[in-house]
Amino acid sequence: MIDYNNKIFVPLSNSENGEVDLEMQFVYKQAGNIVTSSYSGGRIRSGHLIALVDGQGNLDMRYHQVNDRGEITTGICKSTPEQLPNGKIRMHEKWQWTSGDRSEGESLLEEL
């Protein structure tokens, strides 16, 4: 299992229908197989995620956030890690809104 505790991830790309700003940072905390993070920035005033991590480091995530329009938005995300030659982790994410239009998207995050 990958240890995500205190790892910082920054977005490299996000689908146009996403709300994550490319200037944001996600500081992951891990206890056992549970990963959490609080985040804000750009279009997101406040957000939280919680995930279960499996033996290969895949994250099964749920998130909720308040955007800059004062709306609560929610979603699910499946994140797959890729070990980079420099030892850092790149996360390939496929997500879907569970609120609003229920559209899907993809994001790419990389460890600082």
N, C-alpha and C. Protein backbone atom coordinates (compact mmCIF):
# COMPACT_ATOMS: atom_id res chain seq x y z
N MET A 1 0.85 -1.18 0.00
CA MET A 1 0.00 0.00 0.00
C MET A 1 0.89 1.25 0.00
N ILE A 2 0.55 2.22 -0.80
CA ILE A 2 1.25 3.50 -0.82
C ILE A 2 0.87 4.27 0.44
N ASP A 3 1.85 4.91 1.07
CA ASP A 3 1.59 5.76 2.22
C ASP A 3 1.40 7.19 1.72
N TYR A 4 0.18 7.69 1.75
CA TYR A 4 -0.14 9.03 1.26
C TYR A 4 -0.01 10.10 2.34
N ASN A 5 0.27 9.72 3.58
CA ASN A 5 0.27 10.67 4.68
C ASN A 5 1.26 11.81 4.44
N ASN A 6 0.75 13.04 4.52
CA ASN A 6 1.51 14.28 4.37
C ASN A 6 2.06 14.51 2.97
N LYS A 7 1.61 13.74 1.98
CA LYS A 7 2.00 14.00 0.60
C LYS A 7 1.15 15.15 0.06
N ILE A 8 1.79 16.03 -0.71
CA ILE A 8 1.12 17.18 -1.29
C ILE A 8 1.00 16.96 -2.80
N PHE A 9 -0.23 17.10 -3.31
CA PHE A 9 -0.50 16.93 -4.73
C PHE A 9 -1.01 18.24 -5.31
N VAL A 10 -0.59 18.53 -6.54
CA VAL A 10 -1.07 19.70 -7.26
C VAL A 10 -1.67 19.24 -8.58
N PRO A 11 -2.76 19.88 -9.02
CA PRO A 11 -3.38 19.51 -10.29
C PRO A 11 -2.50 19.94 -11.47
N LEU A 12 -2.37 19.04 -12.45
CA LEU A 12 -1.70 19.37 -13.71
C LEU A 12 -2.72 19.69 -14.79
N SER A 13 -3.89 19.03 -14.71
CA SER A 13 -4.96 19.26 -15.67
C SER A 13 -6.28 18.84 -15.05
N ASN A 14 -7.36 19.39 -15.60
CA ASN A 14 -8.70 19.04 -15.14
C ASN A 14 -9.66 19.28 -16.30
N SER A 15 -10.68 18.45 -16.39
CA SER A 15 -11.71 18.66 -17.40
C SER A 15 -12.38 20.01 -17.20
N GLU A 16 -12.91 20.56 -18.28
CA GLU A 16 -13.50 21.89 -18.23
C GLU A 16 -14.69 21.99 -17.29
N ASN A 17 -15.41 20.89 -17.07
CA ASN A 17 -16.58 20.90 -16.19
C ASN A 17 -16.20 20.73 -14.72
N GLY A 18 -14.91 20.67 -14.40
CA GLY A 18 -14.46 20.56 -13.03
C GLY A 18 -14.32 21.91 -12.36
N GLU A 19 -14.21 21.91 -11.04
CA GLU A 19 -14.07 23.15 -10.29
C GLU A 19 -12.69 23.32 -9.68
N VAL A 20 -11.84 22.30 -9.76
CA VAL A 20 -10.50 22.37 -9.17
C VAL A 20 -9.63 23.32 -9.97
N ASP A 21 -9.01 24.24 -9.28
CA ASP A 21 -8.12 25.24 -9.86
C ASP A 21 -6.71 24.66 -9.92
N LEU A 22 -5.98 24.93 -10.98
CA LEU A 22 -4.64 24.36 -11.15
C LEU A 22 -3.62 24.94 -10.16
N GLU A 23 -3.99 25.96 -9.39
CA GLU A 23 -3.10 26.52 -8.38
C GLU A 23 -3.30 25.89 -7.01
N MET A 24 -4.28 25.01 -6.87
CA MET A 24 -4.60 24.42 -5.57
C MET A 24 -3.57 23.38 -5.16
N GLN A 25 -3.54 23.10 -3.85
CA GLN A 25 -2.73 22.02 -3.31
C GLN A 25 -3.62 21.16 -2.42
N PHE A 26 -3.40 19.85 -2.51
CA PHE A 26 -4.10 18.89 -1.68
C PHE A 26 -3.06 18.25 -0.77
N VAL A 27 -3.20 18.42 0.55
CA VAL A 27 -2.33 17.76 1.51
C VAL A 27 -3.10 16.55 2.03
N TYR A 28 -2.61 15.37 1.68
CA TYR A 28 -3.29 14.14 2.08
C TYR A 28 -2.85 13.73 3.48
N LYS A 29 -3.81 13.26 4.26
CA LYS A 29 -3.57 12.64 5.57
C LYS A 29 -4.05 11.21 5.47
N GLN A 30 -3.33 10.28 6.07
CA GLN A 30 -3.72 8.88 6.00
C GLN A 30 -3.63 8.24 7.37
N ALA A 31 -4.66 7.47 7.72
CA ALA A 31 -4.69 6.65 8.92
C ALA A 31 -5.20 5.28 8.49
N GLY A 32 -4.32 4.28 8.52
CA GLY A 32 -4.69 2.96 8.02
C GLY A 32 -4.97 3.05 6.53
N ASN A 33 -6.16 2.61 6.13
CA ASN A 33 -6.49 2.65 4.70
C ASN A 33 -7.43 3.81 4.36
N ILE A 34 -7.51 4.82 5.26
CA ILE A 34 -8.37 5.98 5.05
C ILE A 34 -7.51 7.20 4.74
N VAL A 35 -7.81 7.88 3.63
CA VAL A 35 -7.11 9.10 3.21
C VAL A 35 -8.11 10.25 3.23
N THR A 36 -7.68 11.39 3.78
CA THR A 36 -8.53 12.59 3.82
C THR A 36 -7.74 13.81 3.37
N SER A 37 -8.46 14.85 2.98
CA SER A 37 -7.84 16.13 2.67
C SER A 37 -8.91 17.22 2.75
N SER A 38 -8.50 18.39 3.22
CA SER A 38 -9.30 19.60 3.14
C SER A 38 -8.62 20.49 2.12
N TYR A 39 -9.40 21.25 1.36
CA TYR A 39 -8.81 22.06 0.30
C TYR A 39 -9.68 23.29 0.02
N SER A 40 -9.08 24.30 -0.59
CA SER A 40 -9.79 25.50 -1.02
C SER A 40 -8.91 26.22 -2.03
N GLY A 41 -9.52 27.17 -2.72
CA GLY A 41 -8.79 27.95 -3.70
C GLY A 41 -9.54 28.04 -5.01
N GLY A 42 -9.27 29.10 -5.76
CA GLY A 42 -9.94 29.28 -7.05
C GLY A 42 -11.44 29.32 -6.87
N ARG A 43 -12.14 28.44 -7.54
CA ARG A 43 -13.60 28.41 -7.50
C ARG A 43 -14.16 27.68 -6.28
N ILE A 44 -13.28 27.09 -5.44
CA ILE A 44 -13.74 26.32 -4.29
C ILE A 44 -13.43 27.08 -3.01
N ARG A 45 -14.49 27.43 -2.28
CA ARG A 45 -14.32 28.14 -1.00
C ARG A 45 -13.90 27.18 0.09
N SER A 46 -14.45 25.97 0.09
CA SER A 46 -14.08 24.96 1.09
C SER A 46 -14.47 23.59 0.55
N GLY A 47 -13.55 22.63 0.67
CA GLY A 47 -13.82 21.28 0.20
C GLY A 47 -13.16 20.24 1.07
N HIS A 48 -13.71 19.04 1.05
CA HIS A 48 -13.17 17.91 1.80
C HIS A 48 -13.29 16.65 0.95
N LEU A 49 -12.32 15.78 1.08
CA LEU A 49 -12.41 14.48 0.44
C LEU A 49 -12.08 13.39 1.45
N ILE A 50 -12.63 12.23 1.20
CA ILE A 50 -12.33 11.04 2.00
C ILE A 50 -12.25 9.87 1.02
N ALA A 51 -11.27 9.01 1.24
CA ALA A 51 -11.05 7.90 0.30
C ALA A 51 -10.58 6.67 1.05
N LEU A 52 -10.84 5.53 0.44
CA LEU A 52 -10.24 4.27 0.88
C LEU A 52 -9.14 3.92 -0.10
N VAL A 53 -8.00 3.50 0.41
CA VAL A 53 -6.88 3.12 -0.44
C VAL A 53 -6.73 1.61 -0.40
N ASP A 54 -6.51 1.00 -1.58
CA ASP A 54 -6.33 -0.46 -1.62
C ASP A 54 -4.83 -0.80 -1.64
N GLY A 55 -4.51 -2.06 -1.74
CA GLY A 55 -3.13 -2.54 -1.69
C GLY A 55 -2.25 -2.04 -2.81
N GLN A 56 -2.83 -1.61 -3.94
CA GLN A 56 -2.06 -1.08 -5.05
C GLN A 56 -1.99 0.45 -5.02
N GLY A 57 -2.58 1.07 -4.01
CA GLY A 57 -2.56 2.52 -3.88
C GLY A 57 -3.69 3.24 -4.59
N ASN A 58 -4.64 2.49 -5.16
CA ASN A 58 -5.80 3.11 -5.80
C ASN A 58 -6.70 3.74 -4.74
N LEU A 59 -7.24 4.91 -5.05
CA LEU A 59 -8.14 5.60 -4.14
C LEU A 59 -9.57 5.55 -4.65
N ASP A 60 -10.50 5.16 -3.78
CA ASP A 60 -11.94 5.21 -4.05
C ASP A 60 -12.46 6.36 -3.20
N MET A 61 -12.76 7.49 -3.84
CA MET A 61 -12.93 8.76 -3.15
C MET A 61 -14.34 9.32 -3.29
N ARG A 62 -14.74 10.06 -2.26
CA ARG A 62 -15.95 10.89 -2.28
C ARG A 62 -15.52 12.29 -1.88
N TYR A 63 -16.14 13.30 -2.47
CA TYR A 63 -15.80 14.67 -2.11
C TYR A 63 -17.05 15.54 -2.07
N HIS A 64 -16.96 16.58 -1.26
CA HIS A 64 -18.00 17.61 -1.22
C HIS A 64 -17.31 18.95 -1.03
N GLN A 65 -17.91 19.98 -1.61
CA GLN A 65 -17.28 21.29 -1.57
C GLN A 65 -18.32 22.39 -1.76
N VAL A 66 -17.96 23.60 -1.31
CA VAL A 66 -18.79 24.78 -1.54
C VAL A 66 -18.04 25.63 -2.55
N ASN A 67 -18.70 25.93 -3.68
CA ASN A 67 -18.04 26.70 -4.74
C ASN A 67 -18.24 28.20 -4.55
N ASP A 68 -17.69 28.98 -5.46
CA ASP A 68 -17.73 30.44 -5.36
C ASP A 68 -19.13 31.01 -5.62
N ARG A 69 -20.08 30.18 -6.00
CA ARG A 69 -21.48 30.60 -6.17
C ARG A 69 -22.31 30.25 -4.93
N GLY A 70 -21.66 29.70 -3.90
CA GLY A 70 -22.35 29.32 -2.67
C GLY A 70 -23.11 28.02 -2.77
N GLU A 71 -22.78 27.20 -3.77
CA GLU A 71 -23.45 25.90 -3.97
C GLU A 71 -22.62 24.77 -3.37
N ILE A 72 -23.30 23.80 -2.79
CA ILE A 72 -22.63 22.57 -2.36
C ILE A 72 -22.62 21.62 -3.54
N THR A 73 -21.44 21.16 -3.92
CA THR A 73 -21.33 20.18 -5.00
C THR A 73 -20.65 18.93 -4.45
N THR A 74 -21.03 17.78 -5.00
CA THR A 74 -20.52 16.50 -4.50
C THR A 74 -20.13 15.61 -5.67
N GLY A 75 -19.25 14.65 -5.39
CA GLY A 75 -18.85 13.75 -6.45
C GLY A 75 -18.10 12.53 -5.95
N ILE A 76 -17.83 11.64 -6.90
CA ILE A 76 -17.04 10.44 -6.65
C ILE A 76 -15.83 10.47 -7.58
N CYS A 77 -14.76 9.81 -7.16
CA CYS A 77 -13.54 9.82 -7.95
C CYS A 77 -12.78 8.51 -7.73
N LYS A 78 -12.25 7.97 -8.79
CA LYS A 78 -11.35 6.82 -8.74
C LYS A 78 -9.98 7.31 -9.18
N SER A 79 -8.99 7.19 -8.31
CA SER A 79 -7.64 7.66 -8.60
C SER A 79 -6.68 6.49 -8.68
N THR A 80 -5.89 6.46 -9.74
CA THR A 80 -4.91 5.39 -9.97
C THR A 80 -3.51 6.00 -9.94
N PRO A 81 -2.62 5.50 -9.06
CA PRO A 81 -1.29 6.08 -8.97
C PRO A 81 -0.34 5.56 -10.06
N GLU A 82 0.58 6.43 -10.46
CA GLU A 82 1.66 6.07 -11.36
C GLU A 82 2.96 6.51 -10.69
N GLN A 83 3.88 5.58 -10.49
CA GLN A 83 5.18 5.91 -9.90
C GLN A 83 6.07 6.50 -10.99
N LEU A 84 6.54 7.73 -10.80
CA LEU A 84 7.39 8.40 -11.77
C LEU A 84 8.86 8.04 -11.55
N PRO A 85 9.71 8.18 -12.56
CA PRO A 85 11.13 7.85 -12.41
C PRO A 85 11.82 8.60 -11.27
N ASN A 86 11.33 9.80 -10.93
CA ASN A 86 11.93 10.57 -9.84
C ASN A 86 11.42 10.16 -8.46
N GLY A 87 10.57 9.12 -8.41
CA GLY A 87 10.05 8.63 -7.14
C GLY A 87 8.74 9.26 -6.72
N LYS A 88 8.33 10.33 -7.39
CA LYS A 88 7.07 11.00 -7.07
C LYS A 88 5.90 10.21 -7.65
N ILE A 89 4.69 10.57 -7.22
CA ILE A 89 3.47 9.88 -7.65
C ILE A 89 2.65 10.82 -8.51
N ARG A 90 2.14 10.31 -9.63
CA ARG A 90 1.17 11.00 -10.47
C ARG A 90 -0.15 10.25 -10.33
N MET A 91 -1.23 10.99 -10.07
CA MET A 91 -2.54 10.38 -9.90
C MET A 91 -3.40 10.64 -11.14
N HIS A 92 -3.90 9.56 -11.73
CA HIS A 92 -4.82 9.62 -12.87
C HIS A 92 -6.23 9.45 -12.30
N GLU A 93 -7.04 10.50 -12.44
CA GLU A 93 -8.34 10.51 -11.79
C GLU A 93 -9.48 10.54 -12.80
N LYS A 94 -10.47 9.71 -12.55
CA LYS A 94 -11.72 9.71 -13.30
C LYS A 94 -12.81 10.01 -12.27
N TRP A 95 -13.56 11.08 -12.51
CA TRP A 95 -14.54 11.52 -11.53
C TRP A 95 -15.90 11.78 -12.17
N GLN A 96 -16.90 11.87 -11.30
CA GLN A 96 -18.25 12.18 -11.75
C GLN A 96 -18.95 12.98 -10.66
N TRP A 97 -19.63 14.02 -11.08
CA TRP A 97 -20.47 14.76 -10.16
C TRP A 97 -21.64 13.89 -9.73
N THR A 98 -21.97 13.92 -8.44
CA THR A 98 -23.18 13.26 -7.95
C THR A 98 -24.25 14.30 -7.65
N SER A 99 -23.94 15.55 -7.96
CA SER A 99 -24.89 16.66 -7.87
C SER A 99 -24.89 17.37 -9.21
N GLY A 100 -25.82 18.29 -9.38
CA GLY A 100 -25.86 19.06 -10.63
C GLY A 100 -26.12 18.19 -11.83
N ASP A 101 -25.30 18.36 -12.87
CA ASP A 101 -25.56 17.66 -14.15
C ASP A 101 -25.03 16.23 -14.20
N ARG A 102 -24.36 15.78 -13.15
CA ARG A 102 -23.83 14.40 -13.05
C ARG A 102 -22.84 14.08 -14.18
N SER A 103 -22.21 15.11 -14.72
CA SER A 103 -21.24 14.89 -15.79
C SER A 103 -19.96 14.26 -15.24
N GLU A 104 -19.15 13.74 -16.15
CA GLU A 104 -17.90 13.06 -15.80
C GLU A 104 -16.72 13.89 -16.28
N GLY A 105 -15.56 13.58 -15.71
CA GLY A 105 -14.35 14.27 -16.12
C GLY A 105 -13.11 13.50 -15.70
N GLU A 106 -11.96 14.06 -16.04
CA GLU A 106 -10.68 13.46 -15.70
C GLU A 106 -9.74 14.55 -15.21
N SER A 107 -8.92 14.19 -14.25
CA SER A 107 -7.91 15.10 -13.70
C SER A 107 -6.59 14.36 -13.61
N LEU A 108 -5.52 15.14 -13.61
CA LEU A 108 -4.18 14.62 -13.42
C LEU A 108 -3.54 15.43 -12.30
N LEU A 109 -3.08 14.75 -11.25
CA LEU A 109 -2.42 15.40 -10.13
C LEU A 109 -1.02 14.83 -10.00
N GLU A 110 -0.09 15.63 -9.47
CA GLU A 110 1.25 15.14 -9.28
C GLU A 110 1.78 15.59 -7.92
N GLU A 111 2.52 14.70 -7.28
CA GLU A 111 3.11 14.99 -5.98
C GLU A 111 4.20 16.06 -6.12
N LEU A 112 4.20 17.00 -5.17
CA LEU A 112 5.27 18.01 -5.11
C LEU A 112 6.54 17.41 -4.56
